[in-house]
Protein backbone atom coordinates (compact mmCIF):
# COMPACT_ATOMS: atom_id res chain seq x y z
CA MET A 1 0.00 0.00 0.00
CA THR A 2 1.05 3.55 -0.69
CA PRO A 3 0.29 6.46 1.65
CA ASN A 4 -2.55 7.44 -0.71
CA THR A 5 -4.16 4.01 -1.03
CA ARG A 6 -7.90 4.23 -0.44
CA ILE A 7 -9.47 1.50 1.66
CA ASP A 8 -12.90 0.31 0.57
CA VAL A 9 -14.47 -1.39 3.58
CA HIS A 10 -17.48 -2.88 1.77
CA MET A 11 -16.87 -5.02 -1.30
CA HIS A 12 -17.66 -8.46 -2.76
CA TYR A 13 -14.84 -8.74 -5.29
CA MET A 14 -13.60 -12.21 -6.21
CA GLY A 15 -10.57 -10.94 -8.06
CA ASP A 16 -8.80 -14.24 -8.71
CA THR A 17 -7.19 -13.18 -12.03
CA ASP A 18 -4.39 -10.82 -12.90
CA ILE A 19 -6.75 -8.71 -14.99
CA SER A 20 -9.29 -8.34 -12.19
CA ARG A 21 -6.56 -7.38 -9.73
CA SER A 22 -5.23 -4.78 -12.13
CA LEU A 23 -8.24 -2.67 -11.17
CA LEU A 24 -6.94 -2.37 -7.62
CA GLU A 25 -3.49 -1.43 -8.85
CA SER A 26 -4.74 1.19 -11.31
CA LEU A 27 -7.01 2.83 -8.73
CA ASP A 28 -4.63 2.20 -5.81
CA LEU A 29 -7.25 0.48 -3.68
CA LYS A 30 -7.40 -1.99 -0.86
CA MET A 31 -10.73 -3.80 -0.46
CA MET A 32 -12.36 -5.61 2.41
CA ASN A 33 -14.42 -8.44 0.97
CA ILE A 34 -17.53 -9.23 3.00
CA CYS A 35 -19.19 -12.61 3.37
CA VAL A 36 -22.99 -12.73 3.25
CA ALA A 37 -24.52 -15.73 5.04
CA GLU A 38 -27.92 -16.16 3.41
CA ASP A 39 -28.91 -19.48 4.97
CA ALA A 40 -28.31 -21.96 7.76
CA ASP A 41 -26.50 -24.51 5.60
CA GLY A 42 -23.05 -23.00 5.23
CA LYS A 43 -23.16 -22.44 1.47
CA TRP A 44 -21.65 -19.00 2.05
CA ARG A 45 -18.39 -20.71 3.07
CA ASP A 46 -17.45 -20.77 -0.61
CA GLN A 47 -17.23 -16.97 -0.39
CA ALA A 48 -15.09 -17.22 2.73
CA ASP A 49 -12.63 -19.55 1.04
CA VAL A 50 -12.13 -17.14 -1.87
CA TYR A 51 -11.89 -14.03 0.27
CA ARG A 52 -9.51 -15.66 2.76
CA ASN A 53 -7.18 -16.84 0.00
CA LEU A 54 -7.13 -13.44 -1.68
CA ALA A 55 -6.26 -11.76 1.62
CA HIS A 56 -3.48 -14.28 2.25
CA CYS A 57 -1.99 -14.00 -1.24
CA TYR A 58 -2.44 -10.25 -1.75
CA PRO A 59 -2.51 -8.62 1.70
CA ASP A 60 -1.74 -5.17 0.27
CA ARG A 61 -4.97 -5.25 -1.74
CA PHE A 62 -7.44 -7.49 0.11
CA ALA A 63 -8.81 -8.02 3.61
CA TRP A 64 -11.87 -10.04 4.55
CA CYS A 65 -14.90 -10.13 6.85
CA THR A 66 -16.54 -13.41 7.84
CA SER A 67 -20.10 -14.27 8.92
CA PHE A 68 -21.94 -17.25 10.45
CA ASP A 69 -24.82 -19.60 9.68
CA LEU A 70 -28.35 -18.63 10.59
CA PRO A 71 -29.65 -20.42 13.69
CA LYS A 72 -30.96 -23.94 13.55
CA PHE A 73 -33.21 -23.84 16.57
CA GLU A 74 -33.29 -27.60 17.00
CA ASP A 75 -29.47 -27.80 17.07
CA ALA A 76 -28.20 -27.83 20.64
CA ASP A 77 -24.63 -27.31 19.37
CA TYR A 78 -25.44 -24.27 17.22
CA ILE A 79 -23.61 -21.68 19.35
CA LYS A 80 -20.63 -23.99 19.84
CA ARG A 81 -20.29 -24.54 16.09
CA VAL A 82 -20.59 -20.84 15.29
CA ILE A 83 -17.94 -19.84 17.81
CA GLU A 84 -15.61 -22.57 16.58
CA GLY A 85 -16.06 -21.25 13.04
CA LEU A 86 -15.40 -17.67 14.10
CA GLU A 87 -12.29 -18.75 16.02
CA ARG A 88 -11.00 -20.45 12.89
CA ASP A 89 -11.81 -17.49 10.65
CA PHE A 90 -10.22 -14.97 12.99
CA ARG A 91 -7.08 -17.13 13.10
CA ASP A 92 -7.20 -17.13 9.30
CA GLY A 93 -7.17 -13.37 9.15
CA ALA A 94 -10.82 -12.30 9.18
CA ILE A 95 -10.88 -8.86 10.77
CA ALA A 96 -14.63 -8.59 11.31
CA CYS A 97 -17.94 -10.45 11.24
CA LYS A 98 -21.12 -9.45 9.41
CA ILE A 99 -24.77 -9.90 10.33
CA TRP A 100 -27.02 -9.48 7.29
CA LYS A 101 -30.62 -8.30 7.02
CA ASN A 102 -32.02 -11.83 6.87
CA VAL A 103 -31.72 -11.54 10.65
CA GLY A 104 -34.75 -9.39 11.27
CA MET A 105 -36.29 -9.49 7.81
CA GLY A 106 -36.31 -13.22 7.12
CA LEU A 107 -35.36 -15.52 9.97
CA ARG A 108 -38.22 -16.82 12.13
CA ASN A 109 -38.16 -18.91 15.27
CA PRO A 110 -40.20 -22.13 15.69
CA SER A 111 -43.16 -20.04 16.91
CA GLY A 112 -43.15 -18.12 13.65
CA ASP A 113 -41.91 -14.84 15.12
CA HIS A 114 -39.21 -12.83 13.39
CA VAL A 115 -35.80 -13.11 15.04
CA LEU A 116 -34.27 -9.63 15.41
CA VAL A 117 -30.61 -8.93 15.93
CA ASP A 118 -31.01 -8.43 19.70
CA ASP A 119 -32.57 -11.88 20.15
CA PRO A 120 -31.04 -13.91 23.01
CA ILE A 121 -30.00 -16.72 20.65
CA LEU A 122 -27.40 -14.41 19.10
CA GLU A 123 -26.13 -12.89 22.35
CA PRO A 124 -23.33 -15.45 22.99
CA ILE A 125 -22.05 -14.87 19.45
CA VAL A 126 -22.00 -11.11 19.89
CA ARG A 127 -20.24 -11.48 23.24
CA PHE A 128 -17.59 -13.67 21.63
CA ILE A 129 -16.93 -11.14 18.84
CA GLU A 130 -16.62 -8.42 21.46
CA ALA A 131 -14.22 -10.51 23.57
CA GLN A 132 -12.05 -11.16 20.52
CA GLY A 133 -11.72 -7.43 19.86
CA LYS A 134 -13.24 -7.79 16.41
CA THR A 135 -15.70 -5.47 14.68
CA LEU A 136 -19.32 -6.39 14.06
CA LEU A 137 -20.66 -5.14 10.72
CA MET A 138 -24.45 -4.90 10.65
CA HIS A 139 -26.78 -4.58 7.69
CA ILE A 140 -30.10 -5.33 9.30
CA ALA A 141 -32.68 -3.30 7.35
CA ASP A 142 -33.63 -2.05 3.92
CA PRO A 143 -34.01 1.70 3.34
CA LEU A 144 -36.97 3.35 5.07
CA ASP A 145 -38.61 3.89 1.67
CA GLY A 146 -39.39 0.19 1.65
CA TRP A 147 -42.01 0.82 4.34
CA LEU A 148 -43.46 3.97 2.72
CA PRO A 149 -45.89 4.36 -0.20
CA LEU A 150 -44.24 4.06 -3.61
CA ASP A 151 -43.01 7.49 -4.64
CA PRO A 152 -41.51 8.16 -8.08
CA SER A 153 -39.35 10.89 -6.56
CA SER A 154 -37.79 8.47 -4.06
CA VAL A 155 -34.12 7.57 -4.37
CA HIS A 156 -35.13 3.89 -4.19
CA TYR A 157 -38.23 3.97 -6.38
CA GLY A 158 -36.52 2.08 -9.20
CA TYR A 159 -35.76 -0.85 -6.90
CA TYR A 160 -39.03 -1.08 -5.03
CA SER A 161 -41.21 -0.58 -8.10
CA LYS A 162 -39.53 -3.60 -9.67
CA ASN A 163 -39.18 -5.73 -6.53
CA LEU A 164 -42.58 -5.45 -4.93
CA GLU A 165 -41.93 -8.45 -2.69
CA TRP A 166 -39.59 -6.20 -0.70
CA HIS A 167 -41.95 -3.23 -0.66
CA LEU A 168 -43.43 -3.59 2.82
CA TYR A 169 -45.84 -0.68 2.97
CA GLY A 170 -49.03 -1.76 4.71
CA ARG A 171 -47.74 -5.22 5.59
CA THR A 172 -48.23 -6.38 9.15
CA ASP A 173 -46.30 -9.64 8.80
CA MET A 174 -42.89 -7.93 8.86
CA PRO A 175 -41.07 -5.86 11.48
CA THR A 176 -41.15 -2.11 11.03
CA HIS A 177 -38.05 -0.15 10.13
CA ARG A 178 -38.14 1.36 13.62
CA GLN A 179 -38.21 -2.08 15.25
CA LEU A 180 -35.15 -3.15 13.29
CA MET A 181 -33.30 0.05 14.21
CA ASP A 182 -34.23 -0.34 17.88
CA ALA A 183 -32.97 -3.93 17.91
CA ARG A 184 -29.66 -2.87 16.38
CA ASP A 185 -29.36 0.01 18.84
CA ASN A 186 -30.06 -2.38 21.72
CA VAL A 187 -27.03 -4.46 20.74
CA ILE A 188 -24.82 -1.38 20.50
CA ALA A 189 -25.96 -0.17 23.93
CA ARG A 190 -25.61 -3.63 25.49
CA HIS A 191 -22.00 -3.95 24.31
CA PRO A 192 -20.22 -0.60 24.77
CA ASN A 193 -16.81 -2.21 24.16
CA LEU A 194 -17.90 -3.72 20.84
CA ARG A 195 -17.09 -1.77 17.69
CA VAL A 196 -20.20 -1.77 15.49
CA VAL A 197 -20.23 -0.48 11.92
CA GLY A 198 -23.59 0.12 10.31
CA ALA A 199 -23.48 -0.72 6.62
CA HIS A 200 -25.11 1.69 4.17
CA LEU A 201 -25.17 4.66 6.57
CA GLY A 202 -26.51 2.36 9.26
CA SER A 203 -29.75 1.78 7.30
CA LEU A 204 -30.59 5.41 8.11
CA GLU A 205 -29.60 6.69 4.69
CA HIS A 206 -32.70 8.86 4.43
CA ASP A 207 -31.46 11.37 7.02
CA VAL A 208 -27.92 12.06 8.20
CA ASN A 209 -29.40 13.65 11.32
CA GLU A 210 -30.73 10.23 12.33
CA VAL A 211 -27.21 8.84 12.01
CA ALA A 212 -25.84 11.77 14.00
CA ARG A 213 -28.25 11.07 16.85
CA ARG A 214 -26.87 7.54 17.12
CA PHE A 215 -23.32 8.82 17.01
CA ASP A 216 -24.06 11.18 19.89
CA LYS A 217 -25.56 8.34 21.92
CA TYR A 218 -23.24 5.46 21.03
CA PRO A 219 -19.49 6.19 20.85
CA ASN A 220 -18.86 2.61 19.68
CA PHE A 221 -20.88 3.09 16.48
CA ALA A 222 -19.68 4.09 13.01
CA VAL A 223 -21.12 3.78 9.50
CA ASP A 224 -19.94 3.15 5.97
CA VAL A 225 -21.33 5.03 2.97
CA SER A 226 -21.46 2.03 0.65
CA ALA A 227 -24.22 1.96 -1.99
CA ARG A 228 -25.73 5.15 -0.60
CA LEU A 229 -24.06 7.89 -2.63
CA TYR A 230 -27.31 9.14 -4.12
CA ASP A 231 -29.00 9.18 -0.71
CA LEU A 232 -26.29 11.53 0.51
CA ALA A 233 -26.18 13.66 -2.61
CA THR A 234 -29.93 14.36 -2.59
CA GLN A 235 -29.96 15.67 0.99
CA ASP A 236 -29.22 19.29 1.83
CA VAL A 237 -25.54 19.72 1.00
CA SER A 238 -24.86 22.00 3.96
CA LEU A 239 -26.29 19.41 6.36
CA VAL A 240 -24.28 16.59 4.80
CA ARG A 241 -21.10 18.66 4.84
CA GLU A 242 -21.71 19.49 8.51
CA PHE A 243 -22.30 15.78 9.18
CA PHE A 244 -18.93 14.86 7.68
CA ASN A 245 -17.24 17.67 9.57
CA ASN A 246 -18.78 16.86 12.96
CA TYR A 247 -18.38 13.09 12.70
CA GLN A 248 -15.28 12.84 10.55
CA ASP A 249 -13.91 9.97 12.69
CA ARG A 250 -17.04 7.81 12.30
CA ILE A 251 -17.63 7.65 8.52
CA LEU A 252 -15.94 4.98 6.38
CA PHE A 253 -15.53 4.73 2.63
CA GLY A 254 -17.01 1.91 0.56
CA ILE A 255 -19.08 1.38 -2.58
CA ASP A 256 -20.55 -2.17 -2.22
CA CYS A 257 -19.86 -3.53 -5.69
CA GLY A 258 -18.18 -6.70 -6.84
CA THR A 259 -17.79 -9.52 -9.26
CA TRP A 260 -20.31 -11.62 -7.25
CA GLU A 261 -18.62 -14.72 -8.65
CA LEU A 262 -15.05 -15.66 -9.50
CA ALA A 263 -13.53 -13.31 -12.02
CA SER A 264 -12.11 -16.38 -13.72
CA ALA A 265 -15.69 -17.59 -14.32
CA LYS A 266 -16.58 -14.48 -16.29
CA SER A 267 -15.93 -13.98 -19.98
CA PRO A 268 -13.39 -11.28 -20.87
CA GLU A 269 -16.25 -9.05 -22.00
CA GLN A 270 -18.19 -9.59 -18.77
CA MET A 271 -15.14 -8.83 -16.66
CA ALA A 272 -14.37 -5.72 -18.69
CA ASN A 273 -17.92 -4.48 -18.14
CA THR A 274 -17.70 -5.23 -14.41
CA MET A 275 -14.45 -3.31 -14.08
CA LYS A 276 -15.85 -0.42 -16.10
CA TYR A 277 -18.90 -0.21 -13.87
CA ILE A 278 -16.87 -0.36 -10.65
CA THR A 279 -14.43 2.26 -11.95
CA LYS A 280 -17.38 4.56 -12.67
CA GLU A 281 -18.69 4.07 -9.13
CA TYR A 282 -15.34 5.06 -7.63
CA SER A 283 -15.22 8.06 -9.93
CA ASP A 284 -18.69 9.19 -8.84
CA TYR A 285 -17.88 8.84 -5.15
CA SER A 286 -14.63 10.73 -5.57
CA ALA A 287 -16.30 13.50 -7.52
CA TYR A 288 -19.03 13.93 -4.91
CA LEU A 289 -16.72 13.86 -1.91
CA GLU A 290 -13.90 15.95 -3.37
CA SER A 291 -15.21 18.33 -6.03
CA GLU A 292 -16.15 21.95 -5.75
CA GLY A 293 -19.40 22.87 -7.48
CA ALA A 294 -21.77 20.32 -9.00
CA VAL A 295 -21.46 16.69 -10.03
CA THR A 296 -23.65 14.65 -12.36
CA LEU A 297 -25.23 11.60 -10.71
CA ARG A 298 -28.00 9.62 -12.41
CA ASP A 299 -28.21 12.37 -15.04
CA ARG A 300 -28.89 14.97 -12.38
CA GLU A 301 -26.72 17.92 -11.37
CA LEU A 302 -26.16 17.85 -7.60
CA PRO A 303 -23.87 19.89 -5.33
CA ALA A 304 -20.63 18.20 -4.27
CA LEU A 305 -19.19 18.25 -0.75
CA ASN A 306 -15.70 19.60 -1.47
CA LEU A 307 -14.37 18.04 1.74
CA PRO A 308 -10.98 19.24 3.00
CA ALA A 309 -7.97 16.97 2.66
CA ASP A 310 -7.77 16.07 6.34
CA ILE A 311 -11.36 14.78 6.40
CA LEU A 312 -10.88 12.91 3.12
CA ASP A 313 -7.83 11.19 4.59
CA LYS A 314 -9.96 9.94 7.48
CA VAL A 315 -12.86 8.80 5.30
CA TYR A 316 -10.63 7.13 2.71
CA ARG A 317 -8.07 5.54 5.04
CA ASP A 318 -7.68 6.42 8.70
CA ASN A 319 -11.18 5.49 9.86
CA ALA A 320 -10.88 2.05 8.28
CA LYS A 321 -7.73 1.45 10.31
CA ARG A 322 -9.43 2.57 13.52
CA TRP A 323 -12.72 0.74 13.16
CA TYR A 324 -11.27 -2.39 11.54
CA PRO A 325 -7.97 -3.03 13.34
CA GLY A 326 -5.81 -5.32 11.25
CA ILE A 327 -7.17 -4.12 7.91
CA VAL A 328 -3.65 -2.92 7.15
CA SER A 329 -1.09 -5.63 7.82
C-alpha cells in the first residue's frame, strides 16, 4: 500500500485473475471483501474460502470479513459450532464479522416470530466477537422507503417498483423499520466495548441527522457510505457537509460492488464491463466527496461536498484502520 491508497471497507470482489486485480493497482485500492450468510447450511463458506485466499496471497490489496450460519433452533450445538467457526476465521485473518438483514427481515423462530438482531439466541455470538476485539458489521434493514408508499421521486423507487416483494408498505407480517433500528441500537448499547459499523449509513440513509443522533448516543458506532451515494447527494448539501465535519472519525468509505462470482468464471467481456462499472462508481464517489461545485449523478446535477484533505484522509483511510484493526497488515 502507498500512503494514498484508499481502503474500501465494503466489497464483494472475487478478483482471482491478474486482470481483475489490475483494477486495484490502477485505482490504488485496498478492499475488504464481506461474506454474506444467506442461509443456515453453510453455502456461504465458498465466499469465505475465496476471500480468505485473496487476503493471504495479496494482503496489500485485500482483507476479509466473515459471517456465520443462521440459527438452527433444534441444534443444541449451534452456538458452539458458530464460535468454533469464528475462532477459525479470525485465526485465518478475518478482521470482522457481518450480520445481514435476513436476521430481522427473514429468519423466524419455531413459533413463527421474526428473530431480530437483539434476540437472546445471538447474544453469545456477539459477546464472543466483542471478547475477541473484532468489529461487528451490521446490515439489518432495507431503506426506510421500503415501508413507505411508492413514490416516483424516491431515491429507491426504481428498486421497489420492480421488486414489490420487498416493498413492505401496509404489511403487518414484517417488522417495522423502527423495530429493526431499535434492535440494532439495543445491541450497541448492550456492548459498549464492541465496535459496530452500520453498513449503508446504518440503514438510516434517508437522514444524516438520524445517524448523527446515534453517534451522539453510542461512541462505539460508526457507518460506511457504501451503496448510498445518491441518498447523501440528494440531501441538503450544507447538512451533509456538517455531518462529515462533525463526525469525521465515524464515517468509512465503501461502494458495495463486486464480481459476485469468481472473475475467472466471467468472460473477458463480462469482466471488462464489471471493471468499467466499478471504476465509474469510484469516480462518482470521488467527484461527490472531493469536487467543488456540482457533479452529475444519475443524469442529475447535484452539489458536491468539497471536503478538506484532512477529512478525506480519514474517510478514505484512517477510519478504516481505527474501526477495523488489522485491515492494514
